[in-house]
Amino acid sequence: MGQRILLFESDTAFAQNVRTNFEALGATVEIAGDGQQGLDLATAHRPDLILLSIELPGMNGFLVCKKLKKQDGLADVPLVILSSEATEDVFEQHKKLRTRAEEYLHKPIAFADLLQRVNG
């Protein structure tokens, strides 16, 4: 795989599970526990894929998505939004925005299903 993946996730157990599984496939995974930390990491080392949880401390994932999609060099990075709380209506509203994600997934999600969705 060889990809650099940036995971915005405050649920450490979920984050470690995702990291372990992607690293077993040869990917490098950086984990950001909050929005600002993740934005800093994305700017410092452009990822090949961003997995972004909506439920983050300080700055929610929708705002982070907007900031990432407006940044030169990061706007074209595939971005998957993950949420344990958002409804389909919330996802549909966000899909209508100019700064939308490529994919919207509900947590918990099995790693095999996540991998299938990100590999499209």
PDB file of N, CA and C in Angstrom:
ATOM      1  N   MET A   1       0.843  -1.190   0.000  1.00  0.00           N
ATOM      2  CA  MET A   1       0.000   0.000   0.000  1.00  0.00           C
ATOM      3  C   MET A   1       0.883   1.246   0.000  1.00  0.00           C
ATOM      4  N   GLY A   2       1.759   1.428   0.967  1.00  0.00           N
ATOM      5  CA  GLY A   2       2.711   2.522   0.977  1.00  0.00           C
ATOM      6  C   GLY A   2       2.137   3.916   1.120  1.00  0.00           C
ATOM      7  N   GLN A   3       0.907   4.031   1.490  1.00  0.00           N
ATOM      8  CA  GLN A   3       0.280   5.345   1.607  1.00  0.00           C
ATOM      9  C   GLN A   3       0.531   5.984   2.963  1.00  0.00           C
ATOM     10  N   ARG A   4       0.474   7.321   2.971  1.00  0.00           N
ATOM     11  CA  ARG A   4       0.522   8.091   4.215  1.00  0.00           C
ATOM     12  C   ARG A   4      -0.923   8.474   4.539  1.00  0.00           C
ATOM     13  N   ILE A   5      -1.404   7.992   5.661  1.00  0.00           N
ATOM     14  CA  ILE A   5      -2.782   8.238   6.078  1.00  0.00           C
ATOM     15  C   ILE A   5      -2.778   9.103   7.317  1.00  0.00           C
ATOM     16  N   LEU A   6      -3.614  10.125   7.309  1.00  0.00           N
ATOM     17  CA  LEU A   6      -3.794  10.985   8.474  1.00  0.00           C
ATOM     18  C   LEU A   6      -5.177  10.708   9.036  1.00  0.00           C
ATOM     19  N   LEU A   7      -5.220  10.286  10.291  1.00  0.00           N
ATOM     20  CA  LEU A   7      -6.467   9.953  10.966  1.00  0.00           C
ATOM     21  C   LEU A   7      -6.725  10.970  12.065  1.00  0.00           C
ATOM     22  N   PHE A   8      -7.829  11.705  11.929  1.00  0.00           N
ATOM     23  CA  PHE A   8      -8.293  12.617  12.972  1.00  0.00           C
ATOM     24  C   PHE A   8      -9.258  11.814  13.832  1.00  0.00           C
ATOM     25  N   GLU A   9      -8.877  11.487  15.057  1.00  0.00           N
ATOM     26  CA  GLU A   9      -9.729  10.628  15.883  1.00  0.00           C
ATOM     27  C   GLU A   9      -9.422  10.813  17.360  1.00  0.00           C
ATOM     28  N   SER A  10     -10.449  11.100  18.151  1.00  0.00           N
ATOM     29  CA  SER A  10     -10.260  11.256  19.592  1.00  0.00           C
ATOM     30  C   SER A  10     -10.525   9.961  20.358  1.00  0.00           C
ATOM     31  N   ASP A  11     -11.107   8.957  19.716  1.00  0.00           N
ATOM     32  CA  ASP A  11     -11.335   7.649  20.329  1.00  0.00           C
ATOM     33  C   ASP A  11     -10.063   6.821  20.133  1.00  0.00           C
ATOM     34  N   THR A  12      -9.245   6.749  21.175  1.00  0.00           N
ATOM     35  CA  THR A  12      -7.924   6.123  21.026  1.00  0.00           C
ATOM     36  C   THR A  12      -8.001   4.645  20.657  1.00  0.00           C
ATOM     37  N   ALA A  13      -8.984   3.911  21.160  1.00  0.00           N
ATOM     38  CA  ALA A  13      -9.096   2.487  20.833  1.00  0.00           C
ATOM     39  C   ALA A  13      -9.400   2.304  19.340  1.00  0.00           C
ATOM     40  N   PHE A  14     -10.326   3.093  18.823  1.00  0.00           N
ATOM     41  CA  PHE A  14     -10.660   3.023  17.400  1.00  0.00           C
ATOM     42  C   PHE A  14      -9.447   3.435  16.555  1.00  0.00           C
ATOM     43  N   ALA A  15      -8.775   4.513  16.977  1.00  0.00           N
ATOM     44  CA  ALA A  15      -7.609   5.014  16.244  1.00  0.00           C
ATOM     45  C   ALA A  15      -6.508   3.959  16.174  1.00  0.00           C
ATOM     46  N   GLN A  16      -6.234   3.302  17.283  1.00  0.00           N
ATOM     47  CA  GLN A  16      -5.185   2.278  17.304  1.00  0.00           C
ATOM     48  C   GLN A  16      -5.552   1.082  16.440  1.00  0.00           C
ATOM     49  N   ASN A  17      -6.828   0.710  16.439  1.00  0.00           N
ATOM     50  CA  ASN A  17      -7.291  -0.400  15.605  1.00  0.00           C
ATOM     51  C   ASN A  17      -7.085  -0.072  14.124  1.00  0.00           C
ATOM     52  N   VAL A  18      -7.477   1.138  13.729  1.00  0.00           N
ATOM     53  CA  VAL A  18      -7.305   1.560  12.341  1.00  0.00           C
ATOM     54  C   VAL A  18      -5.820   1.595  11.977  1.00  0.00           C
ATOM     55  N   ARG A  19      -5.012   2.183  12.861  1.00  0.00           N
ATOM     56  CA  ARG A  19      -3.562   2.268  12.607  1.00  0.00           C
ATOM     57  C   ARG A  19      -2.944   0.877  12.434  1.00  0.00           C
ATOM     58  N   THR A  20      -3.224  -0.019  13.361  1.00  0.00           N
ATOM     59  CA  THR A  20      -2.659  -1.370  13.316  1.00  0.00           C
ATOM     60  C   THR A  20      -3.004  -2.076  12.013  1.00  0.00           C
ATOM     61  N   ASN A  21      -4.266  -1.967  11.599  1.00  0.00           N
ATOM     62  CA  ASN A  21      -4.702  -2.654  10.380  1.00  0.00           C
ATOM     63  C   ASN A  21      -4.105  -2.040   9.121  1.00  0.00           C
ATOM     64  N   PHE A  22      -4.051  -0.715   9.029  1.00  0.00           N
ATOM     65  CA  PHE A  22      -3.451  -0.086   7.848  1.00  0.00           C
ATOM     66  C   PHE A  22      -1.946  -0.318   7.809  1.00  0.00           C
ATOM     67  N   GLU A  23      -1.281  -0.276   8.968  1.00  0.00           N
ATOM     68  CA  GLU A  23       0.166  -0.510   8.992  1.00  0.00           C
ATOM     69  C   GLU A  23       0.504  -1.941   8.585  1.00  0.00           C
ATOM     70  N   ALA A  24      -0.385  -2.884   8.888  1.00  0.00           N
ATOM     71  CA  ALA A  24      -0.175  -4.267   8.459  1.00  0.00           C
ATOM     72  C   ALA A  24      -0.196  -4.381   6.934  1.00  0.00           C
ATOM     73  N   LEU A  25      -0.817  -3.405   6.274  1.00  0.00           N
ATOM     74  CA  LEU A  25      -0.871  -3.375   4.809  1.00  0.00           C
ATOM     75  C   LEU A  25       0.236  -2.507   4.214  1.00  0.00           C
ATOM     76  N   GLY A  26       1.116  -1.986   5.079  1.00  0.00           N
ATOM     77  CA  GLY A  26       2.259  -1.214   4.606  1.00  0.00           C
ATOM     78  C   GLY A  26       2.064   0.291   4.587  1.00  0.00           C
ATOM     79  N   ALA A  27       0.954   0.766   5.119  1.00  0.00           N
ATOM     80  CA  ALA A  27       0.695   2.210   5.154  1.00  0.00           C
ATOM     81  C   ALA A  27       1.347   2.827   6.394  1.00  0.00           C
ATOM     82  N   THR A  28       1.585   4.120   6.336  1.00  0.00           N
ATOM     83  CA  THR A  28       2.032   4.897   7.484  1.00  0.00           C
ATOM     84  C   THR A  28       0.822   5.679   7.976  1.00  0.00           C
ATOM     85  N   VAL A  29       0.539   5.594   9.272  1.00  0.00           N
ATOM     86  CA  VAL A  29      -0.644   6.264   9.829  1.00  0.00           C
ATOM     87  C   VAL A  29      -0.222   7.222  10.929  1.00  0.00           C
ATOM     88  N   GLU A  30      -0.605   8.493  10.768  1.00  0.00           N
ATOM     89  CA  GLU A  30      -0.433   9.491  11.813  1.00  0.00           C
ATOM     90  C   GLU A  30      -1.798   9.753  12.421  1.00  0.00           C
ATOM     91  N   ILE A  31      -1.839   9.872  13.745  1.00  0.00           N
ATOM     92  CA  ILE A  31      -3.108  10.107  14.439  1.00  0.00           C
ATOM     93  C   ILE A  31      -3.082  11.477  15.084  1.00  0.00           C
ATOM     94  N   ALA A  32      -4.143  12.238  14.822  1.00  0.00           N
ATOM     95  CA  ALA A  32      -4.327  13.544  15.447  1.00  0.00           C
ATOM     96  C   ALA A  32      -5.535  13.446  16.368  1.00  0.00           C
ATOM     97  N   GLY A  33      -5.350  13.821  17.622  1.00  0.00           N
ATOM     98  CA  GLY A  33      -6.430  13.734  18.604  1.00  0.00           C
ATOM     99  C   GLY A  33      -7.386  14.908  18.578  1.00  0.00           C
ATOM    100  N   ASP A  34      -7.020  15.982  17.860  1.00  0.00           N
ATOM    101  CA  ASP A  34      -7.920  17.129  17.732  1.00  0.00           C
ATOM    102  C   ASP A  34      -7.699  17.794  16.378  1.00  0.00           C
ATOM    103  N   GLY A  35      -8.588  18.689  16.028  1.00  0.00           N
ATOM    104  CA  GLY A  35      -8.567  19.315  14.712  1.00  0.00           C
ATOM    105  C   GLY A  35      -7.320  20.110  14.412  1.00  0.00           C
ATOM    106  N   GLN A  36      -6.892  20.953  15.324  1.00  0.00           N
ATOM    107  CA  GLN A  36      -5.727  21.799  15.071  1.00  0.00           C
ATOM    108  C   GLN A  36      -4.458  20.976  14.897  1.00  0.00           C
ATOM    109  N   GLN A  37      -4.283  19.964  15.737  1.00  0.00           N
ATOM    110  CA  GLN A  37      -3.117  19.089  15.608  1.00  0.00           C
ATOM    111  C   GLN A  37      -3.108  18.424  14.233  1.00  0.00           C
ATOM    112  N   GLY A  38      -4.262  17.970  13.789  1.00  0.00           N
ATOM    113  CA  GLY A  38      -4.358  17.331  12.481  1.00  0.00           C
ATOM    114  C   GLY A  38      -4.083  18.280  11.332  1.00  0.00           C
ATOM    115  N   LEU A  39      -4.592  19.502  11.436  1.00  0.00           N
ATOM    116  CA  LEU A  39      -4.313  20.501  10.399  1.00  0.00           C
ATOM    117  C   LEU A  39      -2.815  20.768  10.300  1.00  0.00           C
ATOM    118  N   ASP A  40      -2.164  20.859  11.454  1.00  0.00           N
ATOM    119  CA  ASP A  40      -0.710  21.066  11.476  1.00  0.00           C
ATOM    120  C   ASP A  40       0.026  19.894  10.825  1.00  0.00           C
ATOM    121  N   LEU A  41      -0.400  18.661  11.150  1.00  0.00           N
ATOM    122  CA  LEU A  41       0.232  17.475  10.570  1.00  0.00           C
ATOM    123  C   LEU A  41       0.010  17.415   9.061  1.00  0.00           C
ATOM    124  N   ALA A  42      -1.200  17.738   8.609  1.00  0.00           N
ATOM    125  CA  ALA A  42      -1.520  17.702   7.184  1.00  0.00           C
ATOM    126  C   ALA A  42      -0.673  18.702   6.410  1.00  0.00           C
ATOM    127  N   THR A  43      -0.458  19.868   6.996  1.00  0.00           N
ATOM    128  CA  THR A  43       0.344  20.902   6.346  1.00  0.00           C
ATOM    129  C   THR A  43       1.817  20.514   6.307  1.00  0.00           C
ATOM    130  N   ALA A  44       2.296  19.914   7.391  1.00  0.00           N
ATOM    131  CA  ALA A  44       3.716  19.542   7.480  1.00  0.00           C
ATOM    132  C   ALA A  44       4.060  18.364   6.573  1.00  0.00           C
ATOM    133  N   HIS A  45       3.190  17.373   6.491  1.00  0.00           N
ATOM    134  CA  HIS A  45       3.434  16.156   5.706  1.00  0.00           C
ATOM    135  C   HIS A  45       2.155  15.790   4.976  1.00  0.00           C
ATOM    136  N   ARG A  46       2.065  16.177   3.714  1.00  0.00           N
ATOM    137  CA  ARG A  46       0.838  15.953   2.938  1.00  0.00           C
ATOM    138  C   ARG A  46       0.478  14.462   2.919  1.00  0.00           C
ATOM    139  N   PRO A  47      -0.716  14.128   3.417  1.00  0.00           N
ATOM    140  CA  PRO A  47      -1.130  12.716   3.403  1.00  0.00           C
ATOM    141  C   PRO A  47      -1.701  12.317   2.045  1.00  0.00           C
ATOM    142  N   ASP A  48      -1.804  11.011   1.820  1.00  0.00           N
ATOM    143  CA  ASP A  48      -2.437  10.479   0.614  1.00  0.00           C
ATOM    144  C   ASP A  48      -3.929  10.249   0.836  1.00  0.00           C
ATOM    145  N   LEU A  49      -4.309  10.141   2.115  1.00  0.00           N
ATOM    146  CA  LEU A  49      -5.696   9.900   2.492  1.00  0.00           C
ATOM    147  C   LEU A  49      -5.925  10.506   3.869  1.00  0.00           C
ATOM    148  N   ILE A  50      -7.099  11.140   4.039  1.00  0.00           N
ATOM    149  CA  ILE A  50      -7.461  11.687   5.337  1.00  0.00           C
ATOM    150  C   ILE A  50      -8.736  11.004   5.813  1.00  0.00           C
ATOM    151  N   LEU A  51      -8.674  10.448   7.013  1.00  0.00           N
ATOM    152  CA  LEU A  51      -9.851   9.892   7.692  1.00  0.00           C
ATOM    153  C   LEU A  51     -10.170  10.856   8.823  1.00  0.00           C
ATOM    154  N   LEU A  52     -11.357  11.436   8.781  1.00  0.00           N
ATOM    155  CA  LEU A  52     -11.692  12.549   9.658  1.00  0.00           C
ATOM    156  C   LEU A  52     -12.951  12.277  10.458  1.00  0.00           C
ATOM    157  N   SER A  53     -12.791  12.117  11.760  1.00  0.00           N
ATOM    158  CA  SER A  53     -13.939  11.944  12.649  1.00  0.00           C
ATOM    159  C   SER A  53     -14.587  13.301  12.908  1.00  0.00           C
ATOM    160  N   ILE A  54     -15.900  13.334  12.907  1.00  0.00           N
ATOM    161  CA  ILE A  54     -16.631  14.574  13.189  1.00  0.00           C
ATOM    162  C   ILE A  54     -16.486  14.955  14.655  1.00  0.00           C
ATOM    163  N   GLU A  55     -16.504  13.956  15.525  1.00  0.00           N
ATOM    164  CA  GLU A  55     -16.479  14.197  16.966  1.00  0.00           C
ATOM    165  C   GLU A  55     -15.046  14.395  17.449  1.00  0.00           C
ATOM    166  N   LEU A  56     -14.608  15.650  17.428  1.00  0.00           N
ATOM    167  CA  LEU A  56     -13.266  16.019  17.875  1.00  0.00           C
ATOM    168  C   LEU A  56     -13.366  17.129  18.911  1.00  0.00           C
ATOM    169  N   PRO A  57     -12.427  17.170  19.856  1.00  0.00           N
ATOM    170  CA  PRO A  57     -12.428  18.278  20.821  1.00  0.00           C
ATOM    171  C   PRO A  57     -11.962  19.576  20.160  1.00  0.00           C
ATOM    172  N   GLY A  58     -12.563  20.674  20.559  1.00  0.00           N
ATOM    173  CA  GLY A  58     -12.108  21.989  20.104  1.00  0.00           C
ATOM    174  C   GLY A  58     -12.677  22.444  18.775  1.00  0.00           C
ATOM    175  N   MET A  59     -12.534  21.644  17.730  1.00  0.00           N
ATOM    176  CA  MET A  59     -12.965  22.024  16.387  1.00  0.00           C
ATOM    177  C   MET A  59     -13.575  20.776  15.743  1.00  0.00           C
ATOM    178  N   ASN A  60     -14.866  20.833  15.406  1.00  0.00           N
ATOM    179  CA  ASN A  60     -15.479  19.618  14.871  1.00  0.00           C
ATOM    180  C   ASN A  60     -14.971  19.294  13.466  1.00  0.00           C
ATOM    181  N   GLY A  61     -15.204  18.071  13.071  1.00  0.00           N
ATOM    182  CA  GLY A  61     -14.678  17.568  11.812  1.00  0.00           C
ATOM    183  C   GLY A  61     -15.198  18.287  10.576  1.00  0.00           C
ATOM    184  N   PHE A  62     -16.428  18.802  10.620  1.00  0.00           N
ATOM    185  CA  PHE A  62     -16.956  19.524   9.465  1.00  0.00           C
ATOM    186  C   PHE A  62     -16.149  20.801   9.219  1.00  0.00           C
ATOM    187  N   LEU A  63     -15.783  21.498  10.297  1.00  0.00           N
ATOM    188  CA  LEU A  63     -14.965  22.703  10.163  1.00  0.00           C
ATOM    189  C   LEU A  63     -13.556  22.342   9.678  1.00  0.00           C
ATOM    190  N   VAL A  64     -13.010  21.260  10.204  1.00  0.00           N
ATOM    191  CA  VAL A  64     -11.692  20.799   9.754  1.00  0.00           C
ATOM    192  C   VAL A  64     -11.736  20.471   8.260  1.00  0.00           C
ATOM    193  N   CYS A  65     -12.784  19.791   7.825  1.00  0.00           N
ATOM    194  CA  CYS A  65     -12.948  19.442   6.411  1.00  0.00           C
ATOM    195  C   CYS A  65     -12.917  20.710   5.554  1.00  0.00           C
ATOM    196  N   LYS A  66     -13.659  21.716   5.969  1.00  0.00           N
ATOM    197  CA  LYS A  66     -13.714  22.978   5.233  1.00  0.00           C
ATOM    198  C   LYS A  66     -12.320  23.594   5.118  1.00  0.00           C
ATOM    199  N   LYS A  67     -11.587  23.600   6.227  1.00  0.00           N
ATOM    200  CA  LYS A  67     -10.244  24.183   6.230  1.00  0.00           C
ATOM    201  C   LYS A  67      -9.293  23.394   5.321  1.00  0.00           C
ATOM    202  N   LEU A  68      -9.370  22.071   5.374  1.00  0.00           N
ATOM    203  CA  LEU A  68      -8.500  21.235   4.542  1.00  0.00           C
ATOM    204  C   LEU A  68      -8.804  21.418   3.056  1.00  0.00           C
ATOM    205  N   LYS A  69     -10.080  21.457   2.708  1.00  0.00           N
ATOM    206  CA  LYS A  69     -10.483  21.537   1.308  1.00  0.00           C
ATOM    207  C   LYS A  69     -10.223  22.910   0.699  1.00  0.00           C
ATOM    208  N   LYS A  70      -9.955  23.908   1.533  1.00  0.00           N
ATOM    209  CA  LYS A  70      -9.643  25.245   1.021  1.00  0.00           C
ATOM    210  C   LYS A  70      -8.143  25.505   0.964  1.00  0.00           C
ATOM    211  N   GLN A  71      -7.347  24.535   1.413  1.00  0.00           N
ATOM    212  CA  GLN A  71      -5.904  24.736   1.494  1.00  0.00           C
ATOM    213  C   GLN A  71      -5.204  24.199   0.242  1.00  0.00           C
ATOM    214  N   ASP A  72      -4.382  25.045  -0.365  1.00  0.00           N
ATOM    215  CA  ASP A  72      -3.611  24.602  -1.528  1.00  0.00           C
ATOM    216  C   ASP A  72      -2.775  23.386  -1.150  1.00  0.00           C
ATOM    217  N   GLY A  73      -2.749  22.407  -2.032  1.00  0.00           N
ATOM    218  CA  GLY A  73      -1.958  21.208  -1.782  1.00  0.00           C
ATOM    219  C   GLY A  73      -2.697  20.138  -1.002  1.00  0.00           C
ATOM    220  N   LEU A  74      -3.802  20.502  -0.350  1.00  0.00           N
ATOM    221  CA  LEU A  74      -4.571  19.520   0.414  1.00  0.00           C
ATOM    222  C   LEU A  74      -5.986  19.339  -0.130  1.00  0.00           C
ATOM    223  N   ALA A  75      -6.447  20.267  -0.953  1.00  0.00           N
ATOM    224  CA  ALA A  75      -7.822  20.243  -1.448  1.00  0.00           C
ATOM    225  C   ALA A  75      -8.148  18.971  -2.225  1.00  0.00           C
ATOM    226  N   ASP A  76      -7.124  18.396  -2.886  1.00  0.00           N
ATOM    227  CA  ASP A  76      -7.369  17.209  -3.704  1.00  0.00           C
ATOM    228  C   ASP A  76      -7.070  15.890  -2.985  1.00  0.00           C
ATOM    229  N   VAL A  77      -6.700  15.955  -1.716  1.00  0.00           N
ATOM    230  CA  VAL A  77      -6.448  14.733  -0.951  1.00  0.00           C
ATOM    231  C   VAL A  77      -7.793  14.078  -0.625  1.00  0.00           C
ATOM    232  N   PRO A  78      -7.964  12.791  -0.970  1.00  0.00           N
ATOM    233  CA  PRO A  78      -9.225  12.121  -0.643  1.00  0.00           C
ATOM    234  C   PRO A  78      -9.492  12.186   0.867  1.00  0.00           C
ATOM    235  N   LEU A  79     -10.722  12.541   1.210  1.00  0.00           N
ATOM    236  CA  LEU A  79     -11.094  12.741   2.601  1.00  0.00           C
ATOM    237  C   LEU A  79     -12.362  11.950   2.900  1.00  0.00           C
ATOM    238  N   VAL A  80     -12.304  11.135   3.951  1.00  0.00           N
ATOM    239  CA  VAL A  80     -13.448  10.330   4.372  1.00  0.00           C
ATOM    240  C   VAL A  80     -13.880  10.811   5.746  1.00  0.00           C
ATOM    241  N   ILE A  81     -15.151  11.182   5.847  1.00  0.00           N
ATOM    242  CA  ILE A  81     -15.689  11.613   7.136  1.00  0.00           C
ATOM    243  C   ILE A  81     -16.280  10.402   7.846  1.00  0.00           C
ATOM    244  N   LEU A  82     -15.946  10.290   9.130  1.00  0.00           N
ATOM    245  CA  LEU A  82     -16.444   9.215   9.990  1.00  0.00           C
ATOM    246  C   LEU A  82     -17.221   9.839  11.139  1.00  0.00           C
ATOM    247  N   SER A  83     -18.326   9.210  11.522  1.00  0.00           N
ATOM    248  CA  SER A  83     -19.075   9.726  12.658  1.00  0.00           C
ATOM    249  C   SER A  83     -19.854   8.621  13.354  1.00  0.00           C
ATOM    250  N   SER A  84     -19.891   8.702  14.665  1.00  0.00           N
ATOM    251  CA  SER A  84     -20.713   7.782  15.440  1.00  0.00           C
ATOM    252  C   SER A  84     -22.042   8.433  15.809  1.00  0.00           C
ATOM    253  N   GLU A  85     -22.175   9.742  15.553  1.00  0.00           N
ATOM    254  CA  GLU A  85     -23.367  10.472  15.970  1.00  0.00           C
ATOM    255  C   GLU A  85     -24.174  11.078  14.825  1.00  0.00           C
ATOM    256  N   ALA A  86     -23.540  11.422  13.714  1.00  0.00           N
ATOM    257  CA  ALA A  86     -24.245  12.111  12.623  1.00  0.00           C
ATOM    258  C   ALA A  86     -25.286  11.198  11.983  1.00  0.00           C
ATOM    259  N   THR A  87     -26.406  11.805  11.609  1.00  0.00           N
ATOM    260  CA  THR A  87     -27.466  11.080  10.922  1.00  0.00           C
ATOM    261  C   THR A  87     -27.240  11.162   9.413  1.00  0.00           C
ATOM    262  N   GLU A  88     -27.997  10.399   8.665  1.00  0.00           N
ATOM    263  CA  GLU A  88     -27.920  10.470   7.198  1.00  0.00           C
ATOM    264  C   GLU A  88     -28.289  11.873   6.721  1.00  0.00           C
ATOM    265  N   ASP A  89     -29.244  12.526   7.405  1.00  0.00           N
ATOM    266  CA  ASP A  89     -29.632  13.897   7.030  1.00  0.00           C
ATOM    267  C   ASP A  89     -28.462  14.859   7.170  1.00  0.00           C
ATOM    268  N   VAL A  90     -27.704  14.725   8.253  1.00  0.00           N
ATOM    269  CA  VAL A  90     -26.528  15.580   8.461  1.00  0.00           C
ATOM    270  C   VAL A  90     -25.510  15.338   7.351  1.00  0.00           C
ATOM    271  N   PHE A  91     -25.273  14.068   7.027  1.00  0.00           N
ATOM    272  CA  PHE A  91     -24.355  13.732   5.938  1.00  0.00           C
ATOM    273  C   PHE A  91     -24.849  14.326   4.614  1.00  0.00           C
ATOM    274  N   GLU A  92     -26.141  14.199   4.333  1.00  0.00           N
ATOM    275  CA  GLU A  92     -26.702  14.724   3.084  1.00  0.00           C
ATOM    276  C   GLU A  92     -26.545  16.236   2.995  1.00  0.00           C
ATOM    277  N   GLN A  93     -26.743  16.934   4.098  1.00  0.00           N
ATOM    278  CA  GLN A  93     -26.568  18.388   4.104  1.00  0.00           C
ATOM    279  C   GLN A  93     -25.119  18.757   3.778  1.00  0.00           C
ATOM    280  N   HIS A  94     -24.175  18.023   4.377  1.00  0.00           N
ATOM    281  CA  HIS A  94     -22.762  18.318   4.145  1.00  0.00           C
ATOM    282  C   HIS A  94     -22.355  17.997   2.706  1.00  0.00           C
ATOM    283  N   LYS A  95     -22.950  16.971   2.116  1.00  0.00           N
ATOM    284  CA  LYS A  95     -22.622  16.589   0.739  1.00  0.00           C
ATOM    285  C   LYS A  95     -22.966  17.694  -0.254  1.00  0.00           C
ATOM    286  N   LYS A  96     -23.862  18.579   0.113  1.00  0.00           N
ATOM    287  CA  LYS A  96     -24.287  19.667  -0.773  1.00  0.00           C
ATOM    288  C   LYS A  96     -23.314  20.848  -0.765  1.00  0.00           C
ATOM    289  N   LEU A  97     -22.371  20.858   0.159  1.00  0.00           N
ATOM    290  CA  LEU A  97     -21.425  21.964   0.272  1.00  0.00           C
ATOM    291  C   LEU A  97     -20.285  21.831  -0.737  1.00  0.00           C
ATOM    292  N   ARG A  98     -19.651  22.951  -1.025  1.00  0.00           N
ATOM    293  CA  ARG A  98     -18.509  22.955  -1.931  1.00  0.00           C
ATOM    294  C   ARG A  98     -17.301  22.255  -1.299  1.00  0.00           C
ATOM    295  N   THR A  99     -17.178  22.329   0.006  1.00  0.00           N
ATOM    296  CA  THR A  99     -16.045  21.736   0.730  1.00  0.00           C
ATOM    297  C   THR A  99     -16.449  20.393   1.332  1.00  0.00           C
ATOM    298  N   ARG A 100     -16.940  19.520   0.491  1.00  0.00           N
ATOM    299  CA  ARG A 100     -17.444  18.235   0.964  1.00  0.00           C
ATOM    300  C   ARG A 100     -16.377  17.137   0.913  1.00  0.00           C
ATOM    301  N   ALA A 101     -16.653  16.069   1.636  1.00  0.00           N
ATOM    302  CA  ALA A 101     -15.762  14.908   1.642  1.00  0.00           C
ATOM    303  C   ALA A 101     -16.097  13.994   0.463  1.00  0.00           C
ATOM    304  N   GLU A 102     -15.197  13.066   0.179  1.00  0.00           N
ATOM    305  CA  GLU A 102     -15.445  12.089  -0.884  1.00  0.00           C
ATOM    306  C   GLU A 102     -16.336  10.952  -0.407  1.00  0.00           C
ATOM    307  N   GLU A 103     -16.327  10.699   0.898  1.00  0.00           N
ATOM    308  CA  GLU A 103     -17.079   9.566   1.446  1.00  0.00           C
ATOM    309  C   GLU A 103     -17.526   9.894   2.863  1.00  0.00           C
ATOM    310  N   TYR A 104     -18.672   9.334   3.258  1.00  0.00           N
ATOM    311  CA  TYR A 104     -19.228   9.543   4.596  1.00  0.00           C
ATOM    312  C   TYR A 104     -19.580   8.177   5.171  1.00  0.00           C
ATOM    313  N   LEU A 105     -19.002   7.847   6.335  1.00  0.00           N
ATOM    314  CA  LEU A 105     -19.202   6.530   6.924  1.00  0.00           C
ATOM    315  C   LEU A 105     -19.596   6.641   8.395  1.00  0.00           C
ATOM    316  N   HIS A 106     -20.423   5.704   8.819  1.00  0.00           N
ATOM    317  CA  HIS A 106     -20.825   5.650  10.231  1.00  0.00           C
ATOM    318  C   HIS A 106     -19.900   4.711  10.995  1.00  0.00           C
ATOM    319  N   LYS A 107     -19.537   5.123  12.214  1.00  0.00           N
ATOM    320  CA  LYS A 107     -18.785   4.260  13.141  1.00  0.00           C
ATOM    321  C   LYS A 107     -19.794   3.659  14.111  1.00  0.00           C
ATOM    322  N   PRO A 108     -19.527   2.506  14.648  1.00  0.00           N
ATOM    323  CA  PRO A 108     -18.346   1.672  14.373  1.00  0.00           C
ATOM    324  C   PRO A 108     -18.445   1.049  12.986  1.00  0.00           C
ATOM    325  N   ILE A 109     -17.289   0.836  12.400  1.00  0.00           N
ATOM    326  CA  ILE A 109     -17.209   0.201  11.086  1.00  0.00           C
ATOM    327  C   ILE A 109     -16.085  -0.831  11.136  1.00  0.00           C
ATOM    328  N   ALA A 110     -16.359  -1.991  10.588  1.00  0.00           N
ATOM    329  CA  ALA A 110     -15.342  -3.042  10.540  1.00  0.00           C
ATOM    330  C   ALA A 110     -14.220  -2.588   9.613  1.00  0.00           C
ATOM    331  N   PHE A 111     -12.986  -2.940   9.936  1.00  0.00           N
ATOM    332  CA  PHE A 111     -11.853  -2.495   9.132  1.00  0.00           C
ATOM    333  C   PHE A 111     -11.989  -2.950   7.677  1.00  0.00           C
ATOM    334  N   ALA A 112     -12.452  -4.168   7.455  1.00  0.00           N
ATOM    335  CA  ALA A 112     -12.608  -4.660   6.078  1.00  0.00           C
ATOM    336  C   ALA A 112     -13.553  -3.767   5.281  1.00  0.00           C
ATOM    337  N   ASP A 113     -14.638  -3.312   5.918  1.00  0.00           N
ATOM    338  CA  ASP A 113     -15.585  -2.421   5.255  1.00  0.00           C
ATOM    339  C   ASP A 113     -14.955  -1.041   4.998  1.00  0.00           C
ATOM    340  N   LEU A 114     -14.206  -0.546   5.966  1.00  0.00           N
ATOM    341  CA  LEU A 114     -13.516   0.733   5.806  1.00  0.00           C
ATOM    342  C   LEU A 114     -12.531   0.644   4.631  1.00  0.00           C
ATOM    343  N   LEU A 115     -11.750  -0.417   4.599  1.00  0.00           N
ATOM    344  CA  LEU A 115     -10.753  -0.610   3.536  1.00  0.00           C
ATOM    345  C   LEU A 115     -11.435  -0.668   2.173  1.00  0.00           C
ATOM    346  N   GLN A 116     -12.534  -1.380   2.087  1.00  0.00           N
ATOM    347  CA  GLN A 116     -13.264  -1.497   0.828  1.00  0.00           C
ATOM    348  C   GLN A 116     -13.764  -0.121   0.363  1.00  0.00           C
ATOM    349  N   ARG A 117     -14.260   0.683   1.286  1.00  0.00           N
ATOM    350  CA  ARG A 117     -14.795   2.000   0.924  1.00  0.00           C
ATOM    351  C   ARG A 117     -13.696   2.980   0.515  1.00  0.00           C
ATOM    352  N   VAL A 118     -12.543   2.946   1.179  1.00  0.00           N
ATOM    353  CA  VAL A 118     -11.478   3.877   0.821  1.00  0.00           C
ATOM    354  C   VAL A 118     -10.755   3.454  -0.461  1.00  0.00           C
ATOM    355  N   ASN A 119     -10.764   2.169  -0.765  1.00  0.00           N
ATOM    356  CA  ASN A 119     -10.149   1.690  -2.008  1.00  0.00           C
ATOM    357  C   ASN A 119     -11.107   1.790  -3.183  1.00  0.00           C
ATOM    358  N   GLY A 120     -12.401   2.013  -2.857  1.00  0.00           N
ATOM    359  CA  GLY A 120     -13.437   2.266  -3.852  1.00  0.00           C
ATOM    360  C   GLY A 120     -13.547   1.242  -4.910  1.00  0.00           C
TER     361      GLY A 120
END
